[in-house]
Protein backbone atom coordinates (compact mmCIF):
# COMPACT_ATOMS: atom_id res chain seq x y z
CA UNK A 1 123.96 77.18 117.10
CA UNK A 2 126.43 77.57 114.24
CA UNK A 3 130.13 77.26 115.08
CA UNK A 4 131.52 79.47 112.28
CA UNK A 5 133.12 82.66 113.64
CA UNK A 6 133.64 85.95 111.86
CA UNK A 7 137.28 86.89 111.27
CA UNK A 8 137.82 90.65 111.51
CA UNK A 9 141.00 92.04 109.99
CA UNK A 10 142.09 95.23 111.76
CA UNK A 11 144.19 97.74 109.78
CA UNK A 12 145.32 101.33 110.36
CA UNK A 13 146.31 103.56 107.43
CA UNK A 14 147.68 106.93 106.37
CA UNK A 15 149.28 108.42 103.27
CA UNK A 16 153.04 108.59 103.53
CA UNK A 17 153.41 112.36 103.80
CA UNK A 18 151.23 112.61 106.94
CA UNK A 19 152.82 112.46 110.43
CA UNK A 20 152.76 108.98 112.01
CA UNK A 21 152.43 109.79 115.72
CA UNK A 22 148.64 110.06 115.78
CA UNK A 23 148.04 107.02 113.52
CA UNK A 24 150.33 104.89 115.68
CA UNK A 25 148.38 105.91 118.78
CA UNK A 26 145.05 105.08 117.10
CA UNK A 27 146.42 101.76 115.85
CA UNK A 28 147.08 100.73 119.44
CA UNK A 29 144.00 102.21 121.13
CA UNK A 30 141.46 101.14 118.51
CA UNK A 31 143.05 97.74 118.00
CA UNK A 32 142.94 97.07 121.74
CA UNK A 33 139.28 98.13 121.79
CA UNK A 34 138.43 95.80 118.89
CA UNK A 35 140.03 92.81 120.62
CA UNK A 36 138.31 93.62 123.91
CA UNK A 37 134.85 94.68 122.78
CA UNK A 38 134.09 92.74 119.59
CA UNK A 39 133.03 89.57 121.33
CA UNK A 40 132.22 86.31 119.56
CA UNK A 41 134.57 87.06 116.64
CA UNK A 42 138.26 86.64 115.90
CA UNK A 43 140.17 89.92 115.57
CA UNK A 44 143.37 89.73 113.49
CA UNK A 45 145.52 92.88 113.89
CA UNK A 46 147.84 93.71 111.01
CA UNK A 47 151.06 94.84 112.73
CA UNK A 48 152.08 97.59 110.32
CA UNK A 49 150.46 100.88 109.32
CA UNK A 50 149.57 100.76 105.62
CA UNK A 51 150.55 103.82 103.58
CA UNK A 52 150.56 102.83 99.88
CA UNK A 53 149.43 100.19 97.40
CA UNK A 54 152.52 97.99 97.76
CA UNK A 55 151.98 97.86 101.50
CA UNK A 56 148.25 97.30 100.91
CA UNK A 57 149.08 94.29 98.72
CA UNK A 58 151.25 92.83 101.48
CA UNK A 59 148.49 93.55 104.00
CA UNK A 60 145.95 91.81 101.75
CA UNK A 61 148.17 88.71 101.59
CA UNK A 62 148.40 88.68 105.39
CA UNK A 63 144.65 89.15 105.84
CA UNK A 64 143.93 86.41 103.29
CA UNK A 65 146.20 84.03 105.19
CA UNK A 66 144.21 84.86 108.33
CA UNK A 67 140.92 84.27 106.44
CA UNK A 68 139.58 87.75 107.14
CA UNK A 69 135.87 88.11 106.36
CA UNK A 70 135.80 91.90 106.82
CA UNK A 71 138.38 94.66 107.09
CA UNK A 72 137.99 97.14 109.96
CA UNK A 73 140.06 99.99 108.55
CA UNK A 74 140.87 102.89 110.88
CA UNK A 75 142.02 106.00 109.05
CA UNK A 76 144.90 107.11 111.27
CA UNK A 77 145.38 110.18 109.07
CA UNK A 78 144.41 111.13 105.56
CA UNK A 79 144.74 108.12 103.29
CA UNK A 80 144.44 108.10 99.52
CA UNK A 81 141.75 105.89 98.06
CA UNK A 82 144.32 103.69 96.33
CA UNK A 83 144.83 101.81 99.61
CA UNK A 84 141.20 100.90 100.26
CA UNK A 85 140.61 100.07 96.58
CA UNK A 86 143.61 97.75 96.60
CA UNK A 87 142.37 95.96 99.71
CA UNK A 88 138.85 95.71 98.28
CA UNK A 89 140.00 94.29 94.94
CA UNK A 90 142.56 91.91 96.42
CA UNK A 91 140.29 90.50 99.11
CA UNK A 92 136.76 90.96 97.75
CA UNK A 93 135.60 91.56 101.33
CA UNK A 94 133.58 94.43 102.85
CA UNK A 95 135.48 97.31 104.41
CA UNK A 96 134.19 98.90 107.59
CA UNK A 97 135.77 102.33 107.28
CA UNK A 98 136.28 104.12 110.62
CA UNK A 99 137.15 107.82 110.46
CA UNK A 100 137.80 109.72 113.67
CA UNK A 101 137.18 113.36 114.49
CA UNK A 102 139.82 115.91 113.57
CA UNK A 103 142.49 116.54 116.16
CA UNK A 104 142.01 119.84 118.08
CA UNK A 105 142.45 122.78 115.73
CA UNK A 106 145.27 125.27 116.23
CA UNK A 107 145.09 128.45 114.17
CA UNK A 108 148.68 128.44 112.93
CA UNK A 109 149.15 124.64 112.70
CA UNK A 110 148.38 122.03 110.05
CA UNK A 111 145.59 119.46 109.97
CA UNK A 112 146.65 116.25 111.67
CA UNK A 113 143.99 113.84 110.43
CA UNK A 114 141.58 115.05 107.73
CA UNK A 115 139.89 111.68 108.28
CA UNK A 116 136.35 112.71 107.34
CA UNK A 117 137.45 113.88 103.91
CA UNK A 118 139.52 110.74 103.47
CA UNK A 119 136.57 108.55 104.45
CA UNK A 120 134.32 110.24 101.90
CA UNK A 121 136.96 109.78 99.24
CA UNK A 122 137.69 106.13 100.06
CA UNK A 123 134.04 105.19 100.48
CA UNK A 124 133.11 106.66 97.11
CA UNK A 125 136.06 105.05 95.32
CA UNK A 126 135.46 101.56 96.74
CA UNK A 127 131.80 101.71 95.79
CA UNK A 128 132.60 102.98 92.31
CA UNK A 129 134.76 99.91 91.65
CA UNK A 130 131.98 97.63 92.89
CA UNK A 131 133.29 96.96 96.39
CA UNK A 132 131.47 97.04 99.71
CA UNK A 133 132.25 99.89 102.07
CA UNK A 134 130.47 100.97 105.26
CA UNK A 135 131.76 104.24 106.76
CA UNK A 136 131.44 105.21 110.42
CA UNK A 137 132.50 108.63 111.72
CA UNK A 138 133.40 109.42 115.30
CA UNK A 139 135.71 108.57 118.18
CA UNK A 140 136.23 105.65 120.49
CA UNK A 141 134.71 107.44 123.49
CA UNK A 142 131.35 107.98 121.77
CA UNK A 143 128.97 105.09 122.62
CA UNK A 144 126.79 105.81 119.59
CA UNK A 145 129.81 105.41 117.31
CA UNK A 146 131.16 102.23 118.88
CA UNK A 147 127.58 100.95 118.90
CA UNK A 148 127.45 101.36 115.12
CA UNK A 149 130.65 99.32 114.78
CA UNK A 150 129.32 96.58 117.05
CA UNK A 151 126.00 96.51 115.21
CA UNK A 152 127.70 96.09 111.86
CA UNK A 153 129.98 93.35 113.20
CA UNK A 154 126.92 91.58 114.65
CA UNK A 155 125.21 91.73 111.26
CA UNK A 156 128.31 90.53 109.39
CA UNK A 157 128.74 87.70 111.87
CA UNK A 158 125.11 86.66 111.40
CA UNK A 159 125.55 86.71 107.63
CA UNK A 160 128.49 84.31 107.90
CA UNK A 161 126.63 82.05 110.31
CA UNK A 162 123.56 81.94 108.04
CA UNK A 163 125.79 80.82 105.16
CA UNK A 164 127.04 77.96 107.36
CA UNK A 165 123.65 76.90 108.75
CA UNK A 166 122.21 73.43 108.26
CA UNK A 167 118.41 73.45 108.71
CA UNK A 168 116.71 70.09 109.13
CA UNK A 169 113.11 69.66 108.00
CA UNK A 170 111.37 67.10 110.21
CA UNK A 171 108.38 66.64 107.95
CA UNK A 172 106.93 69.34 105.69
CA UNK A 173 104.22 71.85 106.67
CA UNK A 174 100.90 71.15 108.44
CA UNK A 175 97.73 70.57 106.47
CA UNK A 176 96.12 73.73 105.05
CA UNK A 177 99.01 75.98 106.13
CA UNK A 178 100.08 77.42 102.78
CA UNK A 179 101.81 80.27 104.61
CA UNK A 180 104.35 77.76 105.93
CA UNK A 181 105.43 76.88 102.40
CA UNK A 182 108.87 78.18 101.42
CA UNK A 183 111.27 78.55 98.50
CA UNK A 184 114.27 76.39 99.37
CA UNK A 185 116.57 77.54 96.55
CA UNK A 186 115.74 81.23 97.02
CA UNK A 187 116.60 80.83 100.72
CA UNK A 188 119.90 79.15 99.80
CA UNK A 189 120.68 81.95 97.34
CA UNK A 190 119.70 84.87 99.59
CA UNK A 191 120.56 83.65 103.09
CA UNK A 192 122.96 80.79 102.41
CA UNK A 193 120.95 78.35 104.55
CA UNK A 194 121.07 74.75 103.32
CA UNK A 195 118.23 72.34 104.07
CA UNK A 196 117.77 68.59 104.25
CA UNK A 197 114.65 66.60 105.01
CA UNK A 198 114.05 63.83 107.54
CA UNK A 199 110.75 61.94 107.67
CA UNK A 200 108.81 61.90 110.93
CA UNK A 201 108.85 58.10 110.76
CA UNK A 202 112.49 58.18 111.80
CA UNK A 203 111.51 60.17 114.87
CA UNK A 204 108.71 57.73 115.73
CA UNK A 205 111.02 54.76 115.19
CA UNK A 206 113.66 56.21 117.51
CA UNK A 207 110.99 56.95 120.13
CA UNK A 208 109.94 53.29 120.07
CA UNK A 209 113.52 52.00 120.42
CA UNK A 210 114.57 54.11 123.39
CA UNK A 211 115.78 52.41 126.55
CA UNK A 212 112.84 52.12 128.94
CA UNK A 213 115.01 53.06 131.90
CA UNK A 214 116.10 56.32 130.26
CA UNK A 215 112.50 57.15 129.40
CA UNK A 216 111.25 56.58 132.94
CA UNK A 217 114.19 58.52 134.39
CA UNK A 218 113.22 61.51 132.27
CA UNK A 219 109.58 61.12 133.26
CA UNK A 220 110.57 61.20 136.92
CA UNK A 221 112.73 64.27 136.30
CA UNK A 222 109.88 66.12 134.59
CA UNK A 223 107.36 65.05 137.21
CA UNK A 224 109.58 66.43 139.98
CA UNK A 225 110.79 69.58 138.19
CA UNK A 226 107.30 70.77 137.29
CA UNK A 227 105.41 69.42 140.29
CA UNK A 228 103.04 67.31 138.22
CA UNK A 229 101.73 65.41 141.21
CA UNK A 230 100.76 68.68 142.91
CA UNK A 231 99.00 70.30 139.95
CA UNK A 232 95.26 70.68 140.54
CA UNK A 233 93.13 68.55 138.24
CA UNK A 234 91.15 70.49 135.67
CA UNK A 235 87.45 69.76 135.03
CA UNK A 236 88.18 68.86 131.41
CA UNK A 237 90.10 65.65 131.88
CA UNK A 238 91.73 65.87 128.46
CA UNK A 239 93.65 68.98 129.64
CA UNK A 240 95.45 67.09 132.42
CA UNK A 241 98.74 65.50 131.41
CA UNK A 242 98.11 61.76 131.44
CA UNK A 243 100.78 59.19 132.20
CA UNK A 244 100.66 58.14 128.54
CA UNK A 245 101.23 61.71 127.34
CA UNK A 246 104.04 62.19 129.85
CA UNK A 247 105.76 59.09 128.52
CA UNK A 248 105.31 60.32 124.96
CA UNK A 249 106.74 63.69 126.01
CA UNK A 250 109.88 62.05 127.36
CA UNK A 251 110.22 59.74 124.37
CA UNK A 252 109.89 62.64 121.93
CA UNK A 253 112.34 64.76 123.91
CA UNK A 254 114.98 62.04 124.12
CA UNK A 255 114.55 60.98 120.49
CA UNK A 256 114.93 64.51 119.12
CA UNK A 257 117.85 65.22 121.42
CA UNK A 258 119.62 62.18 119.93
CA UNK A 259 118.59 62.50 116.29
CA UNK A 260 119.17 66.20 115.60
CA UNK A 261 122.91 66.13 116.45
CA UNK A 262 123.26 62.80 114.62
CA UNK A 263 121.98 64.41 111.42
CA UNK A 264 124.24 67.42 111.95
CA UNK A 265 121.40 69.93 111.95
CA UNK A 266 122.03 73.32 113.55
CA UNK A 267 118.30 74.12 113.60
CA UNK A 268 115.13 72.24 112.72
CA UNK A 269 111.54 72.77 111.77
CA UNK A 270 108.96 70.15 112.64
CA UNK A 271 105.59 69.22 111.25
CA UNK A 272 104.04 69.02 114.69
CA UNK A 273 100.53 68.15 113.49
CA UNK A 274 98.40 66.33 112.44
CA UNK A 275 100.58 63.17 112.57
CA UNK A 276 102.18 63.88 115.96
CA UNK A 277 98.85 64.82 117.47
CA UNK A 278 97.29 61.65 116.14
CA UNK A 279 99.75 59.52 118.11
CA UNK A 280 99.48 61.71 121.22
CA UNK A 281 102.96 63.25 121.11
CA UNK A 282 102.21 66.87 120.21
CA UNK A 283 105.69 68.26 120.97
CA UNK A 284 105.16 71.84 122.23
CA UNK A 285 106.50 71.12 125.72
CA UNK A 286 109.37 69.17 124.23
CA UNK A 287 110.42 72.17 122.12
CA UNK A 288 110.47 74.29 125.30
CA UNK A 289 112.99 72.01 126.95
CA UNK A 290 115.12 71.52 123.85
CA UNK A 291 115.46 75.29 123.32
CA UNK A 292 117.31 75.71 126.60
CA UNK A 293 119.44 72.70 125.71
CA UNK A 294 120.69 74.71 122.72
CA UNK A 295 118.49 72.93 120.17
CA UNK A 296 116.03 75.25 118.41
CA UNK A 297 113.12 73.46 116.73
CA UNK A 298 110.58 75.69 114.98
CA UNK A 299 107.01 74.48 115.18
CA UNK A 300 104.47 73.99 112.39
CA UNK A 301 107.20 73.48 109.81
CA UNK A 302 107.51 77.25 109.32
CA UNK A 303 110.88 77.78 107.66
CA UNK A 304 110.41 81.51 107.05
CA UNK A 305 109.60 82.17 110.71
CA UNK A 306 112.51 79.87 111.50
CA UNK A 307 114.86 82.19 109.62
CA UNK A 308 113.91 84.80 112.21
CA UNK A 309 114.85 82.37 114.98
CA UNK A 310 118.20 81.58 113.35
CA UNK A 311 119.03 85.27 112.93
CA UNK A 312 117.98 86.16 116.47
CA UNK A 313 119.72 83.25 118.15
CA UNK A 314 122.96 83.72 116.23
CA UNK A 315 122.99 87.44 117.01
CA UNK A 316 122.27 87.04 120.73
CA UNK A 317 122.98 83.46 121.76
CA UNK A 318 119.48 83.38 123.25
CA UNK A 319 116.53 81.09 122.40
CA UNK A 320 113.37 82.49 120.84
CA UNK A 321 109.60 82.17 121.19
CA UNK A 322 107.79 81.39 117.92
CA UNK A 323 104.22 82.64 118.21
CA UNK A 324 101.02 83.88 116.67
CA UNK A 325 99.88 87.47 117.15
CA UNK A 326 96.35 87.05 118.50
CA UNK A 327 95.19 90.36 119.94
CA UNK A 328 95.82 94.08 120.22
CA UNK A 329 94.95 96.46 123.05
CA UNK A 330 94.61 100.03 121.81
CA UNK A 331 94.56 101.55 125.27
CA UNK A 332 97.73 99.82 126.48
CA UNK A 333 99.20 99.85 122.94
CA UNK A 334 100.19 96.21 123.27
CA UNK A 335 100.14 93.22 120.98
CA UNK A 336 99.51 89.76 122.40
CA UNK A 337 101.74 86.94 121.19
CA UNK A 338 100.51 83.43 121.97
CA UNK A 339 101.28 79.87 121.11
CA UNK A 340 100.40 76.43 122.33
CA UNK A 341 103.18 76.10 124.90
CA UNK A 342 106.55 75.95 123.17
CA UNK A 343 108.52 78.87 124.69
CA UNK A 344 111.99 78.20 126.14
CA UNK A 345 111.72 77.54 129.85
CA UNK A 346 114.22 80.34 130.55
CA UNK A 347 111.73 82.90 129.21
CA UNK A 348 108.82 82.14 131.53
CA UNK A 349 107.78 84.56 134.26
CA UNK A 350 107.28 82.24 137.19
CA UNK A 351 105.33 84.83 139.18
CA UNK A 352 102.21 83.86 137.23
CA UNK A 353 102.87 80.14 137.59
CA UNK A 354 103.96 77.53 135.06
CA UNK A 355 102.01 74.35 134.35
CA UNK A 356 102.88 71.39 132.15
CA UNK A 357 99.57 70.24 130.71
CA UNK A 358 98.12 68.65 127.63
CA UNK A 359 98.07 70.65 124.41
CA UNK A 360 95.65 73.57 124.95
CA UNK A 361 93.73 73.04 121.72
CA UNK A 362 94.15 69.43 120.67
CA UNK A 363 94.07 67.90 124.14
CA UNK A 364 97.02 65.54 123.86
CA UNK A 365 100.78 65.72 123.76
CA UNK A 366 102.36 68.24 126.12
CA UNK A 367 102.57 72.02 126.43
CA UNK A 368 103.59 74.61 129.00
CA UNK A 369 100.92 77.04 130.14
CA UNK A 370 102.29 80.33 131.41
CA UNK A 371 103.40 83.87 130.57
CA UNK A 372 106.77 85.22 129.53
CA UNK A 373 109.02 87.64 131.35
CA UNK A 374 109.19 91.42 130.86
CA UNK A 375 112.03 92.99 128.92
CA UNK A 376 113.18 94.45 125.61
CA UNK A 377 111.98 92.33 122.71
CA UNK A 378 112.72 92.18 118.99
CA UNK A 379 110.33 90.36 116.67
CA UNK A 380 111.93 88.94 113.50
CA UNK A 381 110.85 86.82 110.55
CA UNK A 382 111.38 86.41 106.83
CA UNK A 383 108.28 86.86 104.68
CA UNK A 384 107.60 86.53 100.97
CA UNK A 385 105.76 89.59 99.70
CA UNK A 386 104.92 89.99 96.01
CA UNK A 387 107.20 87.06 95.24
CA UNK A 388 110.25 88.56 97.01
CA UNK A 389 111.77 87.73 100.37
CA UNK A 390 111.77 90.51 102.97
CA UNK A 391 112.99 90.70 106.54
CA UNK A 392 110.37 91.90 108.99
CA UNK A 393 111.38 93.50 112.30
CA UNK A 394 109.34 94.93 115.16
CA UNK A 395 110.83 96.44 118.31
CA UNK A 396 108.98 96.48 121.60
CA UNK A 397 108.96 95.71 125.28
CA UNK A 398 107.34 92.71 126.88
CA UNK A 399 105.28 93.92 129.82
CA UNK A 400 104.10 91.99 132.90
CA UNK A 401 101.33 89.69 131.69
CA UNK A 402 98.65 87.55 133.32
CA UNK A 403 97.63 84.39 131.51
CA UNK A 404 94.00 84.62 130.40
CA UNK A 405 93.81 81.49 128.25
CA UNK A 406 95.48 78.11 127.92
CA UNK A 407 98.95 78.02 126.42
CA UNK A 408 101.83 80.51 126.52
CA UNK A 409 101.43 84.25 126.01
CA UNK A 410 103.06 87.64 126.44
CA UNK A 411 101.91 91.23 125.85
CA UNK A 412 104.39 93.45 124.00
CA UNK A 413 104.16 97.24 124.03
CA UNK A 414 105.29 98.87 120.78
CA UNK A 415 106.17 102.45 119.82
CA UNK A 416 103.73 102.92 116.96
CA UNK A 417 99.97 102.71 117.46
CA UNK A 418 99.01 99.04 117.34
CA UNK A 419 96.35 99.75 114.69
CA UNK A 420 99.08 100.97 112.35
CA UNK A 421 101.25 97.93 113.01
CA UNK A 422 98.47 95.45 112.32
CA UNK A 423 97.29 97.45 109.30
CA UNK A 424 100.80 97.22 107.83
CA UNK A 425 100.78 93.47 108.42
CA UNK A 426 97.46 93.09 106.62
CA UNK A 427 98.25 95.50 103.78
CA UNK A 428 101.69 94.04 103.05
CA UNK A 429 100.59 90.42 103.43
CA UNK A 430 103.06 89.48 106.17
CA UNK A 431 102.65 85.89 107.34
CA UNK A 432 101.33 84.94 110.76
CA UNK A 433 104.23 83.46 112.77
CA UNK A 434 106.81 85.60 114.57
CA UNK A 435 110.10 84.83 116.32
CA UNK A 436 110.59 86.85 119.51
CA UNK A 437 113.95 87.29 121.20
CA UNK A 438 114.49 89.09 124.52
CA UNK A 439 117.10 91.56 123.22
CA UNK A 440 117.25 94.76 121.18
CA UNK A 441 118.70 93.68 117.82
CA UNK A 442 116.54 95.79 115.50
CA UNK A 443 119.44 97.84 114.14
CA UNK A 444 121.51 94.71 113.50
CA UNK A 445 118.63 93.05 111.62
CA UNK A 446 118.26 96.16 109.44
CA UNK A 447 122.00 96.08 108.70
CA UNK A 448 121.81 92.36 107.92
CA UNK A 449 119.12 93.06 105.34
CA UNK A 450 121.38 95.67 103.82
CA UNK A 451 124.29 93.20 103.67
CA UNK A 452 122.09 90.51 102.09
CA UNK A 453 120.41 92.98 99.72
CA UNK A 454 117.03 91.98 101.12
CA UNK A 455 114.35 94.65 101.77
CA UNK A 456 113.56 95.22 105.44
CA UNK A 457 110.10 96.15 106.74
CA UNK A 458 110.21 97.90 110.11
CA UNK A 459 106.77 97.60 111.65
């Protein structure tokens, strides 16, 4: 994962003629909430309430010194748009503008906040001068409102992490997989991801040079962890994990675990066939183990599907399953996601069993055969449509699944009729790999697209 953290500058404001008691209370309550609830980011609280442009200039200097990436501005009471415009122009950073409900009305008393009007005014002014402003209206005790704040912070954090991501390309794309081609410079421009290539020969060379004792120790560990000696033999002998394929599994695992950090890659794609299959080290099972070690390697060299993995993992901290969509069930309204056996081990539903076998299609290398656990799921990928990058998101729920073929699979129930979902995929020309994460991040992905100015397709 990427180490860069989002720095959130917290500021409370009012115009000078408005009473300060309420803004001071909000400065404390909302600042405490931000520090407590906005996890995974750094919250920098400006100590003074900002009331005019001179104070906004001083605030901007302070936020710049603290390397603020976004300003969380709470309107303590009505604030003229000169303050937000000054912060926007001085910093060039987005403003997340939080306006609270009006204080309780009293017939013969004045307004104490007028925050909604102020938010409309400030939002319009910042946008008219070319700044970024994202208003949210409501109070701290409203989960929907605080959820909007958290969602936006998650999206902003992901944007920063994408811009600091190093993606290693271990080989290019597999033969006859045009859909795994990608536009490296467009990805750098739109997402900020930088890429470097490493030839598979370096992986093979490292595999050959590994200490034999370390290799056999890993083989013994795998044999014991997954009960290889107790697995029933299958009639097709090429489906049973041979001693040669087990050794190649361990060599591939140890080599990648050494090389990827050495090259400084945060994520990788790998051309997992035909070369790796030809030398009997198809790496599906290796990718499963690496994912739970914190090393995400996207199979079949699919960079655009890998962007979905990067987004999902940076938003949640959880590994993903990169898969094909292979079936739909109209009656259950489920879509079946399957791949050769590369899912993170932490995602498997052990109630249906888990077997480490040969690759389910090619018959060599290693792959896990099993089903994945139930739970909320978000499907994410980038996809080039009509020459333009889009983000694709699908929300659903993984349901209890029984394996009915070799490899790894899970059935996901979706809200829309499955015929409509698949028809959209066909009509729009969305590519065939999908990154699944066991979390509900659909809203955050939509916001990320908005921040990156990339169209989002919600299936």
